[in-house]
N, C-alpha and C. Protein backbone atom coordinates (compact mmCIF):
# COMPACT_ATOMS: atom_id res chain seq x y z
N MET A 1 112.38 89.49 79.30
CA MET A 1 113.66 89.33 78.67
C MET A 1 114.64 88.52 79.53
N PHE A 2 114.58 88.73 80.85
CA PHE A 2 115.51 88.04 81.72
C PHE A 2 115.32 86.53 81.66
N ILE A 3 114.10 86.09 81.43
CA ILE A 3 113.84 84.66 81.34
C ILE A 3 114.61 84.06 80.16
N PHE A 4 114.71 84.82 79.05
CA PHE A 4 115.43 84.33 77.87
C PHE A 4 116.94 84.40 78.08
N ILE A 5 117.41 85.38 78.82
CA ILE A 5 118.84 85.46 79.16
C ILE A 5 119.21 84.26 80.02
N GLY A 6 118.36 83.95 81.00
CA GLY A 6 118.59 82.77 81.84
C GLY A 6 118.61 81.49 81.02
N CYS A 7 117.70 81.41 80.07
CA CYS A 7 117.63 80.25 79.18
C CYS A 7 118.93 80.10 78.39
N PHE A 8 119.42 81.20 77.85
CA PHE A 8 120.67 81.19 77.11
C PHE A 8 121.83 80.74 77.99
N GLU A 9 121.87 81.24 79.22
CA GLU A 9 122.94 80.87 80.14
C GLU A 9 122.91 79.37 80.47
N ILE A 10 121.71 78.83 80.65
CA ILE A 10 121.58 77.39 80.94
C ILE A 10 122.07 76.57 79.76
N ILE A 11 121.71 76.97 78.55
CA ILE A 11 122.16 76.25 77.34
C ILE A 11 123.67 76.34 77.20
N SER A 12 124.22 77.53 77.40
CA SER A 12 125.69 77.71 77.29
C SER A 12 126.42 76.84 78.30
N ASP A 13 125.94 76.84 79.54
CA ASP A 13 126.57 76.04 80.58
C ASP A 13 126.46 74.55 80.27
N SER A 14 125.30 74.14 79.73
CA SER A 14 125.10 72.75 79.36
C SER A 14 126.08 72.31 78.29
N ILE A 15 126.28 73.14 77.29
CA ILE A 15 127.23 72.82 76.21
C ILE A 15 128.65 72.70 76.78
N LYS A 16 129.01 73.61 77.69
CA LYS A 16 130.34 73.54 78.32
C LYS A 16 130.51 72.23 79.10
N ARG A 17 129.44 71.80 79.79
CA ARG A 17 129.53 70.56 80.56
C ARG A 17 129.62 69.34 79.64
N PHE A 18 128.94 69.40 78.48
CA PHE A 18 129.09 68.32 77.50
C PHE A 18 130.54 68.22 77.05
N ALA A 19 131.14 69.38 76.76
CA ALA A 19 132.51 69.42 76.23
C ALA A 19 133.55 69.04 77.28
N SER A 20 133.36 69.49 78.51
CA SER A 20 134.38 69.26 79.54
C SER A 20 134.19 67.95 80.30
N GLY A 21 132.98 67.46 80.35
CA GLY A 21 132.71 66.24 81.10
C GLY A 21 132.59 66.48 82.59
N VAL A 22 132.64 67.74 83.02
CA VAL A 22 132.53 68.06 84.43
C VAL A 22 131.05 67.99 84.84
N THR A 23 130.81 67.28 85.94
CA THR A 23 129.44 67.18 86.45
C THR A 23 129.44 67.47 87.94
N PRO A 24 128.36 68.04 88.43
CA PRO A 24 128.29 68.31 89.86
C PRO A 24 128.11 67.00 90.64
N THR A 25 128.49 67.04 91.90
CA THR A 25 128.32 65.88 92.77
C THR A 25 127.11 66.11 93.66
N PRO A 26 126.06 65.30 93.49
CA PRO A 26 124.88 65.48 94.34
C PRO A 26 125.15 65.07 95.78
N THR A 27 124.62 65.86 96.70
CA THR A 27 124.76 65.57 98.13
C THR A 27 123.37 65.45 98.74
N PRO A 28 123.27 64.88 99.94
CA PRO A 28 121.95 64.81 100.59
C PRO A 28 121.31 66.20 100.76
N SER A 29 122.14 67.20 101.08
CA SER A 29 121.57 68.54 101.26
C SER A 29 121.06 69.12 99.93
N SER A 30 121.74 68.79 98.83
CA SER A 30 121.25 69.29 97.54
C SER A 30 119.91 68.64 97.18
N PHE A 31 119.74 67.37 97.53
CA PHE A 31 118.45 66.70 97.32
C PHE A 31 117.36 67.37 98.17
N MET A 32 117.66 67.64 99.43
CA MET A 32 116.67 68.26 100.31
C MET A 32 116.29 69.65 99.81
N ILE A 33 117.27 70.42 99.36
CA ILE A 33 116.99 71.77 98.85
C ILE A 33 116.09 71.69 97.62
N MET A 34 116.38 70.78 96.71
CA MET A 34 115.59 70.66 95.49
C MET A 34 114.17 70.17 95.78
N ILE A 35 114.03 69.26 96.74
CA ILE A 35 112.69 68.77 97.10
C ILE A 35 111.89 69.91 97.75
N ALA A 36 112.54 70.68 98.62
CA ALA A 36 111.86 71.83 99.25
C ALA A 36 111.47 72.86 98.18
N THR A 37 112.36 73.09 97.23
CA THR A 37 112.06 74.03 96.14
C THR A 37 110.89 73.53 95.31
N LEU A 38 110.90 72.24 95.01
CA LEU A 38 109.82 71.64 94.23
C LEU A 38 108.47 71.81 94.94
N ILE A 39 108.43 71.50 96.22
CA ILE A 39 107.19 71.61 96.98
C ILE A 39 106.75 73.07 97.08
N GLY A 40 107.69 73.95 97.41
CA GLY A 40 107.36 75.38 97.54
C GLY A 40 106.85 75.97 96.24
N ASN A 41 107.53 75.70 95.14
CA ASN A 41 107.08 76.23 93.85
C ASN A 41 105.77 75.61 93.40
N GLY A 42 105.58 74.33 93.71
CA GLY A 42 104.32 73.68 93.36
C GLY A 42 103.15 74.32 94.08
N MET A 43 103.33 74.57 95.38
CA MET A 43 102.27 75.21 96.15
C MET A 43 102.03 76.64 95.68
N LEU A 44 103.11 77.37 95.42
CA LEU A 44 102.98 78.76 94.96
C LEU A 44 102.30 78.82 93.60
N SER A 45 102.67 77.94 92.69
CA SER A 45 102.08 77.93 91.35
C SER A 45 100.58 77.66 91.42
N ARG A 46 100.18 76.70 92.23
CA ARG A 46 98.75 76.38 92.39
C ARG A 46 98.00 77.56 92.98
N TRP A 47 98.58 78.19 94.02
CA TRP A 47 97.94 79.34 94.66
C TRP A 47 97.80 80.50 93.67
N GLU A 48 98.89 80.81 92.94
CA GLU A 48 98.84 81.90 91.97
C GLU A 48 97.82 81.63 90.87
N GLY A 49 97.76 80.39 90.41
CA GLY A 49 96.78 80.03 89.38
C GLY A 49 95.36 80.17 89.89
N ARG A 50 95.13 79.70 91.11
CA ARG A 50 93.79 79.79 91.71
C ARG A 50 93.40 81.26 91.94
N MET A 51 94.30 82.04 92.52
CA MET A 51 94.01 83.44 92.79
C MET A 51 93.92 84.24 91.49
N GLY A 52 94.76 83.90 90.52
CA GLY A 52 94.69 84.58 89.23
C GLY A 52 93.36 84.36 88.55
N GLY A 53 92.82 83.13 88.67
CA GLY A 53 91.51 82.84 88.11
C GLY A 53 90.40 83.55 88.87
N THR A 54 90.49 83.53 90.20
CA THR A 54 89.49 84.18 91.03
C THR A 54 89.47 85.69 90.80
N LEU A 55 90.66 86.28 90.78
CA LEU A 55 90.77 87.74 90.63
C LEU A 55 90.79 88.18 89.16
N LYS A 56 90.82 87.20 88.26
CA LYS A 56 90.93 87.48 86.83
C LYS A 56 92.15 88.37 86.55
N SER A 57 93.26 87.97 87.16
CA SER A 57 94.51 88.72 87.04
C SER A 57 95.46 88.01 86.09
N GLU A 58 95.70 88.65 84.95
CA GLU A 58 96.62 88.06 83.98
C GLU A 58 98.05 88.06 84.50
N VAL A 59 98.38 89.00 85.37
CA VAL A 59 99.72 89.04 85.95
C VAL A 59 99.94 87.81 86.82
N LEU A 60 98.97 87.50 87.69
CA LEU A 60 99.10 86.30 88.53
C LEU A 60 99.10 85.03 87.70
N LEU A 61 98.26 84.97 86.67
CA LEU A 61 98.23 83.78 85.81
C LEU A 61 99.55 83.60 85.07
N ALA A 62 100.14 84.71 84.61
CA ALA A 62 101.44 84.62 83.94
C ALA A 62 102.52 84.17 84.91
N ASP A 63 102.48 84.69 86.14
CA ASP A 63 103.48 84.28 87.11
C ASP A 63 103.28 82.83 87.54
N ALA A 64 102.01 82.38 87.57
CA ALA A 64 101.75 80.97 87.87
C ALA A 64 102.38 80.08 86.81
N LEU A 65 102.28 80.51 85.56
CA LEU A 65 102.89 79.75 84.46
C LEU A 65 104.41 79.72 84.62
N HIS A 66 104.99 80.87 84.97
CA HIS A 66 106.44 80.94 85.18
C HIS A 66 106.86 80.05 86.35
N THR A 67 106.10 80.10 87.44
CA THR A 67 106.44 79.28 88.61
C THR A 67 106.25 77.80 88.30
N LYS A 68 105.26 77.47 87.46
CA LYS A 68 105.08 76.07 87.06
C LYS A 68 106.29 75.58 86.27
N SER A 69 106.88 76.47 85.47
CA SER A 69 108.09 76.07 84.74
C SER A 69 109.23 75.78 85.73
N ASP A 70 109.25 76.50 86.85
CA ASP A 70 110.24 76.23 87.90
C ASP A 70 110.01 74.85 88.53
N VAL A 71 108.75 74.44 88.63
CA VAL A 71 108.43 73.10 89.16
C VAL A 71 109.03 72.04 88.24
N TYR A 72 108.78 72.20 86.92
CA TYR A 72 109.32 71.23 85.96
C TYR A 72 110.85 71.26 85.97
N ALA A 73 111.42 72.44 86.12
CA ALA A 73 112.87 72.55 86.18
C ALA A 73 113.41 71.82 87.42
N SER A 74 112.74 71.99 88.54
CA SER A 74 113.16 71.29 89.77
C SER A 74 113.07 69.78 89.60
N LEU A 75 112.01 69.31 88.95
CA LEU A 75 111.88 67.87 88.69
C LEU A 75 113.04 67.37 87.82
N ALA A 76 113.37 68.14 86.79
CA ALA A 76 114.47 67.74 85.91
C ALA A 76 115.80 67.71 86.67
N VAL A 77 116.00 68.68 87.54
CA VAL A 77 117.24 68.71 88.33
C VAL A 77 117.29 67.48 89.25
N ILE A 78 116.19 67.15 89.89
CA ILE A 78 116.16 65.99 90.79
C ILE A 78 116.45 64.70 90.02
N VAL A 79 115.84 64.56 88.85
CA VAL A 79 116.09 63.37 88.02
C VAL A 79 117.56 63.30 87.62
N SER A 80 118.12 64.45 87.21
CA SER A 80 119.54 64.44 86.81
C SER A 80 120.45 64.15 87.99
N MET A 81 120.08 64.63 89.19
CA MET A 81 120.90 64.34 90.37
C MET A 81 120.86 62.85 90.70
N ILE A 82 119.68 62.25 90.58
CA ILE A 82 119.56 60.81 90.84
C ILE A 82 120.37 60.03 89.81
N ALA A 83 120.26 60.43 88.54
CA ALA A 83 121.02 59.73 87.48
C ALA A 83 122.52 59.88 87.70
N THR A 84 122.95 61.08 88.07
CA THR A 84 124.37 61.32 88.32
C THR A 84 124.84 60.49 89.52
N TYR A 85 124.03 60.43 90.54
CA TYR A 85 124.37 59.65 91.74
C TYR A 85 124.57 58.19 91.39
N PHE A 86 123.75 57.66 90.46
CA PHE A 86 123.85 56.25 90.09
C PHE A 86 124.80 56.01 88.91
N GLY A 87 125.61 57.02 88.56
CA GLY A 87 126.66 56.81 87.58
C GLY A 87 126.31 57.19 86.14
N TYR A 88 125.32 57.99 85.94
CA TYR A 88 124.95 58.44 84.59
C TYR A 88 125.02 59.97 84.50
N PRO A 89 126.25 60.51 84.51
CA PRO A 89 126.42 61.97 84.55
C PRO A 89 125.94 62.69 83.28
N ILE A 90 125.75 61.96 82.19
CA ILE A 90 125.29 62.59 80.95
C ILE A 90 123.91 63.22 81.13
N PHE A 91 123.15 62.72 82.10
CA PHE A 91 121.80 63.26 82.33
C PHE A 91 121.82 64.69 82.86
N ASP A 92 122.93 65.11 83.47
CA ASP A 92 122.99 66.47 84.01
C ASP A 92 122.89 67.52 82.91
N PRO A 93 123.76 67.49 81.88
CA PRO A 93 123.61 68.50 80.82
C PRO A 93 122.34 68.30 79.99
N LEU A 94 121.89 67.04 79.87
CA LEU A 94 120.63 66.80 79.15
C LEU A 94 119.45 67.41 79.90
N ALA A 95 119.48 67.26 81.21
CA ALA A 95 118.42 67.86 82.02
C ALA A 95 118.46 69.38 81.91
N ALA A 96 119.66 69.94 81.84
CA ALA A 96 119.79 71.39 81.68
C ALA A 96 119.16 71.85 80.37
N LEU A 97 119.35 71.09 79.31
CA LEU A 97 118.72 71.43 78.02
C LEU A 97 117.20 71.32 78.12
N ALA A 98 116.72 70.30 78.81
CA ALA A 98 115.27 70.15 78.98
C ALA A 98 114.71 71.32 79.80
N ILE A 99 115.43 71.71 80.83
CA ILE A 99 115.01 72.84 81.66
C ILE A 99 114.95 74.11 80.83
N SER A 100 115.95 74.33 79.99
CA SER A 100 115.95 75.54 79.16
C SER A 100 114.78 75.52 78.18
N ALA A 101 114.40 74.35 77.69
CA ALA A 101 113.24 74.25 76.80
C ALA A 101 111.95 74.61 77.54
N VAL A 102 111.81 74.12 78.76
CA VAL A 102 110.61 74.43 79.57
C VAL A 102 110.55 75.92 79.88
N ILE A 103 111.67 76.48 80.31
CA ILE A 103 111.72 77.90 80.65
C ILE A 103 111.48 78.75 79.41
N GLY A 104 112.09 78.38 78.29
CA GLY A 104 111.89 79.13 77.05
C GLY A 104 110.45 79.10 76.58
N THR A 105 109.81 77.94 76.69
CA THR A 105 108.39 77.82 76.31
C THR A 105 107.52 78.70 77.19
N ALA A 106 107.76 78.68 78.49
CA ALA A 106 106.99 79.54 79.40
C ALA A 106 107.22 81.01 79.06
N GLY A 107 108.46 81.36 78.76
CA GLY A 107 108.78 82.74 78.39
C GLY A 107 108.05 83.19 77.13
N ILE A 108 107.99 82.31 76.15
CA ILE A 108 107.28 82.64 74.90
C ILE A 108 105.79 82.82 75.17
N GLN A 109 105.20 81.95 75.98
CA GLN A 109 103.77 82.08 76.30
C GLN A 109 103.48 83.38 77.04
N ILE A 110 104.33 83.73 77.98
CA ILE A 110 104.17 84.99 78.72
C ILE A 110 104.34 86.18 77.78
N LEU A 111 105.32 86.10 76.88
CA LEU A 111 105.57 87.17 75.92
C LEU A 111 104.38 87.38 74.99
N ILE A 112 103.77 86.31 74.52
CA ILE A 112 102.62 86.41 73.62
C ILE A 112 101.47 87.14 74.30
N VAL A 113 101.15 86.76 75.53
CA VAL A 113 100.07 87.42 76.27
C VAL A 113 100.40 88.90 76.48
N SER A 114 101.63 89.18 76.87
CA SER A 114 102.04 90.56 77.13
C SER A 114 101.99 91.42 75.88
N VAL A 115 102.44 90.89 74.77
CA VAL A 115 102.44 91.65 73.52
C VAL A 115 101.02 91.99 73.10
N LYS A 116 100.10 91.05 73.28
CA LYS A 116 98.70 91.32 72.92
C LYS A 116 98.13 92.47 73.73
N VAL A 117 98.45 92.52 75.01
CA VAL A 117 97.96 93.61 75.86
C VAL A 117 98.64 94.92 75.48
N LEU A 118 99.95 94.88 75.29
CA LEU A 118 100.70 96.10 75.01
C LEU A 118 100.41 96.70 73.63
N THR A 119 99.99 95.87 72.70
CA THR A 119 99.70 96.37 71.35
C THR A 119 98.21 96.63 71.13
N ASP A 120 97.46 96.64 72.22
CA ASP A 120 96.02 96.92 72.14
C ASP A 120 95.29 96.00 71.17
N THR A 121 95.59 94.73 71.22
CA THR A 121 94.89 93.75 70.41
C THR A 121 93.41 93.75 70.81
N ALA A 122 92.54 93.70 69.80
CA ALA A 122 91.10 93.69 70.07
C ALA A 122 90.75 92.52 70.97
N GLN A 123 89.97 92.79 72.00
CA GLN A 123 89.62 91.76 72.97
C GLN A 123 88.25 91.13 72.71
N ILE A 124 87.37 91.88 72.04
CA ILE A 124 86.02 91.39 71.77
C ILE A 124 85.71 91.67 70.30
N ASP A 125 85.04 90.76 69.65
CA ASP A 125 84.66 90.91 68.25
C ASP A 125 83.75 92.12 68.08
N SER A 126 84.10 93.04 67.19
CA SER A 126 83.32 94.26 66.99
C SER A 126 81.92 93.97 66.44
N GLN A 127 81.78 92.91 65.65
CA GLN A 127 80.46 92.55 65.12
C GLN A 127 79.50 92.15 66.25
N ALA A 128 80.03 91.44 67.23
CA ALA A 128 79.20 91.03 68.37
C ALA A 128 78.77 92.25 69.18
N ILE A 129 79.66 93.19 69.36
CA ILE A 129 79.32 94.42 70.10
C ILE A 129 78.27 95.21 69.33
N SER A 130 78.45 95.33 68.03
CA SER A 130 77.48 96.07 67.21
C SER A 130 76.10 95.43 67.31
N ALA A 131 76.04 94.11 67.25
CA ALA A 131 74.75 93.42 67.35
C ALA A 131 74.09 93.69 68.70
N LEU A 132 74.87 93.72 69.77
CA LEU A 132 74.33 94.01 71.09
C LEU A 132 73.81 95.44 71.17
N ALA A 133 74.58 96.38 70.65
CA ALA A 133 74.17 97.79 70.68
C ALA A 133 72.90 98.00 69.87
N MET A 134 72.79 97.32 68.76
CA MET A 134 71.63 97.50 67.88
C MET A 134 70.35 96.93 68.51
N LYS A 135 70.47 96.09 69.54
CA LYS A 135 69.30 95.56 70.24
C LYS A 135 68.60 96.64 71.06
N VAL A 136 69.35 97.67 71.44
CA VAL A 136 68.79 98.72 72.30
C VAL A 136 67.89 99.63 71.47
N ASP A 137 66.68 99.78 71.94
CA ASP A 137 65.69 100.60 71.23
C ASP A 137 66.17 102.05 71.18
N GLY A 138 66.24 102.60 69.98
CA GLY A 138 66.68 103.97 69.79
C GLY A 138 68.03 104.07 69.12
N VAL A 139 68.79 102.98 69.07
CA VAL A 139 70.08 102.98 68.40
C VAL A 139 69.84 102.78 66.90
N LEU A 140 70.30 103.76 66.09
CA LEU A 140 70.11 103.68 64.64
C LEU A 140 71.30 103.02 63.95
N ALA A 141 72.49 103.24 64.50
CA ALA A 141 73.71 102.67 63.91
C ALA A 141 74.79 102.61 64.98
N CYS A 142 75.75 101.75 64.74
CA CYS A 142 76.87 101.59 65.67
C CYS A 142 78.11 101.28 64.84
N HIS A 143 79.20 102.05 65.05
CA HIS A 143 80.43 101.81 64.29
C HIS A 143 81.64 102.31 65.09
N ALA A 144 82.79 102.27 64.48
CA ALA A 144 84.06 102.70 65.09
C ALA A 144 84.27 102.02 66.46
N ILE A 145 84.03 100.73 66.49
CA ILE A 145 84.14 99.96 67.73
C ILE A 145 85.61 99.57 67.93
N ARG A 146 86.11 99.85 69.11
CA ARG A 146 87.50 99.54 69.43
C ARG A 146 87.56 98.99 70.85
N THR A 147 88.12 97.82 71.01
CA THR A 147 88.33 97.25 72.34
C THR A 147 89.83 97.05 72.53
N ARG A 148 90.26 97.16 73.77
CA ARG A 148 91.68 96.98 74.09
C ARG A 148 91.80 96.61 75.56
N GLY A 149 93.00 96.32 75.99
CA GLY A 149 93.24 95.93 77.37
C GLY A 149 93.54 94.44 77.45
N SER A 150 93.07 93.82 78.52
CA SER A 150 93.25 92.38 78.69
C SER A 150 91.88 91.73 78.72
N LYS A 151 91.87 90.40 78.70
CA LYS A 151 90.59 89.67 78.70
C LYS A 151 89.74 90.02 79.91
N THR A 152 90.38 90.37 81.00
CA THR A 152 89.64 90.64 82.23
C THR A 152 89.37 92.11 82.49
N HIS A 153 90.05 92.98 81.78
CA HIS A 153 89.87 94.43 81.94
C HIS A 153 89.79 95.06 80.55
N VAL A 154 88.61 95.02 79.97
CA VAL A 154 88.42 95.50 78.60
C VAL A 154 87.98 96.95 78.61
N TYR A 155 88.62 97.75 77.79
CA TYR A 155 88.22 99.14 77.56
C TYR A 155 87.62 99.20 76.17
N MET A 156 86.55 99.96 76.04
CA MET A 156 85.83 99.98 74.77
C MET A 156 85.43 101.39 74.40
N ASP A 157 85.56 101.69 73.11
CA ASP A 157 85.06 102.93 72.53
C ASP A 157 84.16 102.53 71.38
N LEU A 158 83.07 103.24 71.21
CA LEU A 158 82.22 103.01 70.05
C LEU A 158 81.37 104.25 69.79
N HIS A 159 80.94 104.37 68.55
CA HIS A 159 80.05 105.47 68.17
C HIS A 159 78.66 104.90 67.96
N VAL A 160 77.67 105.55 68.58
CA VAL A 160 76.29 105.14 68.45
C VAL A 160 75.51 106.31 67.84
N HIS A 161 74.76 106.03 66.79
CA HIS A 161 73.92 107.05 66.16
C HIS A 161 72.50 106.93 66.70
N VAL A 162 71.94 108.09 67.01
CA VAL A 162 70.56 108.16 67.49
C VAL A 162 69.81 109.19 66.64
N SER A 163 68.53 109.25 66.84
CA SER A 163 67.71 110.21 66.11
C SER A 163 68.16 111.63 66.43
N GLN A 164 68.16 112.49 65.42
CA GLN A 164 68.55 113.89 65.64
C GLN A 164 67.56 114.63 66.52
N ASP A 165 66.40 114.06 66.69
CA ASP A 165 65.37 114.68 67.53
C ASP A 165 65.55 114.33 69.01
N MET A 166 66.44 113.40 69.32
CA MET A 166 66.63 112.96 70.70
C MET A 166 67.38 114.03 71.49
N THR A 167 66.96 114.26 72.73
CA THR A 167 67.66 115.23 73.58
C THR A 167 68.98 114.64 74.06
N ILE A 168 69.85 115.52 74.50
CA ILE A 168 71.15 115.08 75.02
C ILE A 168 70.94 114.16 76.23
N ALA A 169 70.02 114.52 77.09
CA ALA A 169 69.75 113.71 78.28
C ALA A 169 69.26 112.32 77.88
N SER A 170 68.38 112.25 76.90
CA SER A 170 67.88 110.95 76.44
C SER A 170 69.00 110.14 75.78
N ALA A 171 69.83 110.81 74.99
CA ALA A 171 70.95 110.13 74.33
C ALA A 171 71.93 109.59 75.37
N HIS A 172 72.15 110.37 76.43
CA HIS A 172 73.05 109.92 77.50
C HIS A 172 72.46 108.69 78.20
N LYS A 173 71.17 108.71 78.45
CA LYS A 173 70.50 107.56 79.06
C LYS A 173 70.60 106.34 78.14
N LEU A 174 70.45 106.55 76.84
CA LEU A 174 70.57 105.48 75.86
C LEU A 174 71.99 104.89 75.87
N ALA A 175 72.98 105.76 75.99
CA ALA A 175 74.37 105.30 76.05
C ALA A 175 74.57 104.36 77.23
N HIS A 176 73.96 104.68 78.37
CA HIS A 176 74.06 103.80 79.54
C HIS A 176 73.35 102.47 79.29
N GLN A 177 72.26 102.50 78.54
CA GLN A 177 71.55 101.25 78.20
C GLN A 177 72.42 100.37 77.29
N VAL A 178 73.09 101.02 76.33
CA VAL A 178 74.00 100.27 75.44
C VAL A 178 75.12 99.65 76.27
N GLU A 179 75.70 100.44 77.16
CA GLU A 179 76.78 99.95 78.03
C GLU A 179 76.30 98.75 78.86
N ALA A 180 75.11 98.86 79.44
CA ALA A 180 74.58 97.77 80.25
C ALA A 180 74.35 96.52 79.41
N GLU A 181 73.88 96.69 78.19
CA GLU A 181 73.64 95.55 77.30
C GLU A 181 74.95 94.83 76.97
N VAL A 182 75.98 95.61 76.67
CA VAL A 182 77.28 95.02 76.32
C VAL A 182 77.89 94.33 77.54
N ILE A 183 77.83 94.98 78.69
CA ILE A 183 78.42 94.40 79.90
C ILE A 183 77.70 93.13 80.32
N SER A 184 76.39 93.07 80.09
CA SER A 184 75.63 91.88 80.49
C SER A 184 76.05 90.64 79.71
N GLN A 185 76.64 90.82 78.58
CA GLN A 185 77.07 89.69 77.77
C GLN A 185 78.52 89.40 78.03
């Protein structure tokens, strides 16, 4: 939510700057700060993306996306500072609008992923799971399949029917075989 509040604030400030004509004055130190921010966020975004992929962490991948939006925002700020320095102050509020679009887009992408996890959206097709379970010798039927969680941490419930003559111990062993079959895919 805070990302959208920030987006709103950037848009509001941009509109005020359009109306008032007030623009910031870029200084050498502001250029250095923005370049350092750009480099730092670029390195952090790459690291988070790499580690998120390695660890299969949706949190790190989402933060990498957010940090990447900061990289684009820093680029837009640097461009607007250069334009303002060379006498084109209109680029400052325009850059602010572009930054808010980048931040808003990243926020929407993060929100979509989060909502899917929080609402227990199915992660794996139930027909595919049923087909895998039915490959295991001794499984007569498979239904009530439910998957939830994230792409990297899937929780699954399913009902497997076996012969009424099967012992509990054998049925338990069969359940482990079904689990192994599903996990292998």
